[in-house]
Amino acid sequence: MRRKIAYPLAALGMAGSTLVIASPALAHGYVSSPPSRQAQCAAGTVKDCGAIQFEPQSVEAPKGSKQCNGGNASFTVLNDESRSWPATTVGTSVKFNWVLTARHRTASWVYYVDGVEAATFNDNNAIPEAIVSHTVDLSRFPGKRTVLAVWNIGDTANAFYNCVDLNIGGSGGSTPTTAPTTAPTTAPTTAPTTKPPTAAPTATTVAPTTAAPGGSEWAPGVSYKTGDVVTYNGVSYKCRQGHTSIRSWEPSIFTLALWLPL
């Protein structure tokens, strides 16, 4: 049974403003770029998402679903089309980047566009790296589309589900290199033991800012790109994959997956 834990309140901005932090989840992986719906919730791009904003990597459900939440009742917000999910403008060949917080043996990765299978990548039950990328030809699906990316686990009956909203072949079409998402945990071979609340705690969302200058102190709400160097508690780290930072996911916690100590 997964335990719940909350970090102490942390000051944010002016005096008296607080943020309740949920610990890293007993969970597993999500599409960081182009940003999936749960990544947009975690970054604050889409507001009032409930629990998913604190655990974008947790959309786990039995295999075979075609829903954005995989049928997981905790994250029905991901199926809500009335939210007008922002679509990322891309070309016809799109690179999807997964960040894995627990590296499960993998049967396959499957990409669907409006319910039609677009690509499958078989892993034959291998353990993946902490960051997994797939380039998918989406030339058959021009215009505004929703891609369902599914990570089928090899040694359980479950899968992880991500919906990614795209404007395929639109002007300026290229997959962004910086994902407006949250930072993951260090990728362990076994899952962590703690789990954030199933109900969303009260929080003040940190809005992303522009990228920080090289060598500056790590801060939440900053869009970091691959190669950026920051310091945290006197240690320097280099960014391995673009993301937008949030509190409780500092470089000292999330090394290897997104940050490399120097």
Protein backbone atom coordinates (compact mmCIF):
# COMPACT_ATOMS: atom_id res chain seq x y z
CA MET A 1 0.00 0.00 0.00
CA ARG A 2 1.42 3.40 -0.92
CA ARG A 3 2.09 5.86 1.89
CA LYS A 4 1.33 9.56 1.76
CA ILE A 5 3.81 12.20 2.77
CA ALA A 6 3.94 15.98 2.55
CA TYR A 7 7.05 18.13 2.72
CA PRO A 8 7.08 21.15 5.06
CA LEU A 9 5.66 24.45 3.85
CA ALA A 10 8.15 26.42 1.79
CA ALA A 11 8.22 30.17 1.41
CA LEU A 12 7.47 31.47 -2.07
CA GLY A 13 7.73 35.09 -3.15
CA MET A 14 6.57 37.61 -0.57
CA ALA A 15 6.35 36.81 3.11
CA GLY A 16 3.32 34.78 4.07
CA SER A 17 2.97 32.97 0.75
CA THR A 18 3.34 29.20 1.17
CA LEU A 19 3.53 26.08 -0.95
CA VAL A 20 2.59 22.58 0.15
CA ILE A 21 4.92 20.04 -1.46
CA ALA A 22 4.11 16.44 -2.25
CA SER A 23 6.92 13.91 -2.27
CA PRO A 24 7.96 12.01 -5.41
CA ALA A 25 5.41 9.33 -6.20
CA LEU A 26 5.64 5.59 -6.34
CA ALA A 27 5.40 6.15 -10.04
CA HIS A 28 6.96 5.88 -13.21
CA GLY A 29 7.04 7.95 -16.40
CA TYR A 30 5.53 10.61 -18.64
CA VAL A 31 6.10 12.44 -21.93
CA SER A 32 7.98 15.62 -21.16
CA SER A 33 8.27 17.00 -24.70
CA PRO A 34 6.30 17.88 -26.64
CA PRO A 35 4.52 18.50 -23.34
CA SER A 36 1.81 15.98 -22.52
CA ARG A 37 -1.37 17.10 -20.79
CA GLN A 38 -0.05 16.03 -17.40
CA ALA A 39 3.21 17.87 -18.09
CA GLN A 40 1.25 21.04 -18.87
CA CYS A 41 -0.66 20.64 -15.61
CA ALA A 42 2.55 20.15 -13.64
CA ALA A 43 4.10 23.25 -15.22
CA GLY A 44 1.03 25.35 -14.45
CA THR A 45 0.32 25.94 -18.15
CA VAL A 46 -3.13 24.49 -17.50
CA LYS A 47 -4.58 25.37 -14.10
CA ASP A 48 -6.69 23.51 -11.53
CA CYS A 49 -5.77 20.00 -12.66
CA GLY A 50 -6.05 18.35 -9.27
CA ALA A 51 -3.61 15.66 -8.12
CA ILE A 52 -2.00 15.11 -11.53
CA GLN A 53 -0.13 18.43 -11.26
CA PHE A 54 1.94 16.90 -8.45
CA GLU A 55 2.53 13.49 -10.06
CA PRO A 56 2.53 13.69 -13.87
CA GLN A 57 4.33 10.33 -14.01
CA SER A 58 1.49 8.43 -12.30
CA VAL A 59 -1.10 7.80 -15.04
CA GLU A 60 -1.04 4.02 -14.69
CA ALA A 61 -3.92 1.71 -15.62
CA PRO A 62 -4.53 -1.71 -17.20
CA LYS A 63 -3.34 -2.14 -20.78
CA GLY A 64 -5.71 -1.63 -23.66
CA SER A 65 -7.28 1.76 -22.92
CA LYS A 66 -7.59 4.53 -25.53
CA GLN A 67 -8.33 7.24 -22.95
CA CYS A 68 -5.92 9.98 -21.92
CA ASN A 69 -6.16 8.84 -18.30
CA GLY A 70 -6.09 5.14 -19.24
CA GLY A 71 -9.32 4.74 -17.31
CA ASN A 72 -7.65 5.79 -14.04
CA ALA A 73 -10.43 7.51 -12.06
CA SER A 74 -7.92 9.67 -10.16
CA PHE A 75 -7.00 11.61 -13.30
CA THR A 76 -10.24 12.12 -15.27
CA VAL A 77 -9.26 15.76 -15.80
CA LEU A 78 -6.95 14.55 -18.59
CA ASN A 79 -10.03 13.51 -20.61
CA ASP A 80 -11.68 16.92 -20.29
CA GLU A 81 -11.73 18.41 -23.80
CA SER A 82 -13.43 21.59 -22.57
CA ARG A 83 -10.08 22.76 -21.20
CA SER A 84 -8.82 23.59 -24.72
CA TRP A 85 -5.44 21.94 -24.11
CA PRO A 86 -2.65 23.97 -25.76
CA ALA A 87 -1.32 22.27 -28.90
CA THR A 88 2.41 22.35 -29.67
CA THR A 89 3.23 23.22 -33.28
CA VAL A 90 5.50 20.56 -34.78
CA GLY A 91 6.63 19.25 -38.15
CA THR A 92 5.55 15.92 -39.58
CA SER A 93 8.39 14.01 -37.88
CA VAL A 94 8.11 14.39 -34.12
CA LYS A 95 10.51 13.34 -31.38
CA PHE A 96 8.70 12.27 -28.19
CA ASN A 97 10.80 12.37 -25.01
CA TRP A 98 9.84 10.30 -21.97
CA VAL A 99 11.24 10.89 -18.49
CA LEU A 100 11.13 7.72 -16.38
CA THR A 101 11.13 7.89 -12.61
CA ALA A 102 11.08 4.09 -12.29
CA ARG A 103 12.54 2.00 -15.10
CA HIS A 104 10.16 -0.92 -15.54
CA ARG A 105 10.80 -3.76 -17.94
CA THR A 106 9.10 -2.73 -21.15
CA ALA A 107 7.04 -4.67 -23.67
CA SER A 108 6.41 -1.81 -26.10
CA TRP A 109 5.73 1.87 -26.68
CA VAL A 110 2.73 2.63 -28.88
CA TYR A 111 1.57 5.93 -30.38
CA TYR A 112 -2.03 6.49 -31.49
CA VAL A 113 -3.46 9.50 -33.31
CA ASP A 114 -7.17 9.92 -32.77
CA GLY A 115 -7.36 6.18 -32.04
CA VAL A 116 -5.32 5.06 -35.06
CA GLU A 117 -1.98 3.36 -34.39
CA ALA A 118 0.83 5.52 -35.81
CA ALA A 119 3.94 3.72 -34.52
CA THR A 120 5.08 0.90 -32.23
CA PHE A 121 8.52 0.41 -30.67
CA ASN A 122 9.17 -3.03 -29.16
CA ASP A 123 11.58 -3.33 -26.22
CA ASN A 124 11.27 -7.10 -25.71
CA ASN A 125 11.06 -6.79 -21.92
CA ALA A 126 14.30 -4.80 -21.60
CA ILE A 127 14.88 -2.20 -18.87
CA PRO A 128 14.90 1.25 -20.53
CA GLU A 129 17.16 4.21 -19.83
CA ALA A 130 16.02 7.09 -17.61
CA ILE A 131 15.24 9.16 -20.71
CA VAL A 132 13.64 7.46 -23.72
CA SER A 133 13.06 9.12 -27.10
CA HIS A 134 11.12 7.99 -30.17
CA THR A 135 10.85 9.77 -33.51
CA VAL A 136 7.43 9.21 -35.07
CA ASP A 137 6.33 10.00 -38.62
CA LEU A 138 3.00 11.82 -38.32
CA SER A 139 2.73 12.96 -41.94
CA ARG A 140 -0.53 10.98 -42.30
CA PHE A 141 -2.16 13.11 -39.61
CA PRO A 142 -1.89 16.82 -40.48
CA GLY A 143 -3.56 19.54 -38.45
CA LYS A 144 -4.55 19.70 -34.81
CA ARG A 145 -4.44 16.19 -33.36
CA THR A 146 -4.22 14.38 -30.05
CA VAL A 147 -1.52 11.72 -29.79
CA LEU A 148 -1.98 9.01 -27.17
CA ALA A 149 1.45 7.71 -26.12
CA VAL A 150 1.33 4.38 -24.25
CA TRP A 151 4.14 2.70 -22.34
CA ASN A 152 3.25 -1.01 -21.99
CA ILE A 153 5.05 -2.58 -19.03
CA GLY A 154 6.59 -5.97 -19.68
CA ASP A 155 6.13 -7.72 -16.35
CA THR A 156 2.74 -6.38 -15.21
CA ALA A 157 -0.72 -6.02 -16.73
CA ASN A 158 -0.47 -2.22 -16.64
CA ALA A 159 0.58 0.61 -18.92
CA PHE A 160 1.23 4.35 -18.59
CA TYR A 161 -0.81 6.81 -20.64
CA ASN A 162 -0.04 10.29 -21.98
CA CYS A 163 -2.04 12.50 -24.32
CA VAL A 164 -0.03 15.03 -26.30
CA ASP A 165 -1.84 17.77 -28.22
CA LEU A 166 -0.12 18.81 -31.45
CA ASN A 167 -0.57 21.05 -34.47
CA ILE A 168 1.12 18.74 -36.98
CA GLY A 169 2.75 20.38 -39.96
CA GLY A 170 1.83 23.82 -38.72
CA SER A 171 3.90 26.96 -39.28
CA GLY A 172 7.24 26.94 -37.54
CA GLY A 173 6.93 23.20 -37.25
CA SER A 174 9.60 21.68 -35.07
CA THR A 175 9.42 19.81 -31.83
CA PRO A 176 10.47 22.15 -29.00
CA THR A 177 13.72 21.28 -27.28
CA THR A 178 12.58 22.65 -23.93
CA ALA A 179 9.70 20.84 -22.31
CA PRO A 180 7.52 23.01 -20.02
CA THR A 181 7.23 20.22 -17.47
CA THR A 182 8.28 19.21 -14.03
CA ALA A 183 11.55 17.54 -13.15
CA PRO A 184 11.57 13.79 -12.42
CA THR A 185 13.29 11.77 -9.76
CA THR A 186 16.55 9.91 -10.18
CA ALA A 187 15.62 6.85 -12.21
CA PRO A 188 15.82 3.90 -9.77
CA THR A 189 15.62 0.27 -10.77
CA THR A 190 12.91 -0.12 -8.11
CA ALA A 191 10.15 2.35 -7.39
CA PRO A 192 10.38 4.76 -4.41
CA THR A 193 8.26 3.98 -1.38
CA THR A 194 6.44 7.27 -0.92
CA LYS A 195 3.37 8.63 -2.69
CA PRO A 196 1.82 12.11 -2.79
CA PRO A 197 -1.79 12.65 -1.75
CA THR A 198 -4.51 11.31 -4.01
CA ALA A 199 -6.33 14.62 -3.54
CA ALA A 200 -4.53 17.74 -4.69
CA PRO A 201 -3.04 19.72 -1.78
CA THR A 202 -3.41 23.47 -1.73
CA ALA A 203 -0.56 24.97 -3.70
CA THR A 204 0.67 28.15 -5.25
CA THR A 205 1.78 27.36 -8.80
CA VAL A 206 5.07 28.88 -9.88
CA ALA A 207 4.78 30.37 -13.36
CA PRO A 208 7.69 29.60 -15.73
CA THR A 209 10.13 32.38 -16.44
CA THR A 210 12.83 32.80 -19.03
CA ALA A 211 15.88 30.56 -18.97
CA ALA A 212 18.41 31.38 -16.27
CA PRO A 213 21.93 32.61 -17.09
CA GLY A 214 24.67 30.01 -16.94
CA GLY A 215 26.02 29.09 -13.52
CA SER A 216 23.20 30.74 -11.58
CA GLU A 217 21.61 29.27 -8.48
CA TRP A 218 18.87 26.72 -9.24
CA ALA A 219 15.37 28.13 -8.72
CA PRO A 220 11.79 26.90 -9.20
CA GLY A 221 9.68 28.22 -12.05
CA VAL A 222 12.61 28.54 -14.45
CA SER A 223 12.73 27.04 -17.96
CA TYR A 224 16.05 25.21 -18.19
CA LYS A 225 17.39 23.91 -21.48
CA THR A 226 19.82 21.10 -22.21
CA GLY A 227 23.36 22.16 -21.31
CA ASP A 228 22.42 24.85 -18.77
CA VAL A 229 24.64 24.82 -15.68
CA VAL A 230 23.28 25.70 -12.23
CA THR A 231 24.49 25.50 -8.66
CA TYR A 232 22.54 24.04 -5.76
CA ASN A 233 23.84 23.79 -2.19
CA GLY A 234 27.34 24.55 -3.48
CA VAL A 235 27.34 21.82 -6.15
CA SER A 236 27.24 22.48 -9.90
CA TYR A 237 24.87 20.56 -12.16
CA LYS A 238 24.38 20.41 -15.95
CA CYS A 239 20.86 20.04 -17.39
CA ARG A 240 20.42 16.80 -19.37
CA GLN A 241 16.95 17.59 -20.74
CA GLY A 242 14.93 20.77 -21.02
CA HIS A 243 12.16 21.26 -18.44
CA THR A 244 10.54 23.85 -16.18
CA SER A 245 11.53 23.46 -12.54
CA ILE A 246 9.29 23.25 -9.47
CA ARG A 247 10.00 23.09 -5.74
CA SER A 248 10.65 19.66 -4.18
CA TRP A 249 12.32 18.45 -7.41
CA GLU A 250 15.75 20.01 -6.92
CA PRO A 251 18.93 18.87 -8.77
CA SER A 252 20.27 17.06 -5.71
CA ILE A 253 17.16 14.85 -5.73
CA PHE A 254 16.76 14.43 -9.47
CA THR A 255 20.29 13.74 -10.62
CA LEU A 256 20.96 11.54 -13.66
CA ALA A 257 17.44 11.81 -15.07
CA LEU A 258 17.58 15.58 -15.67
CA TRP A 259 20.71 16.86 -13.92
CA LEU A 260 24.32 15.67 -14.09
CA PRO A 261 26.57 16.68 -11.19
CA LEU A 262 29.83 18.28 -12.32
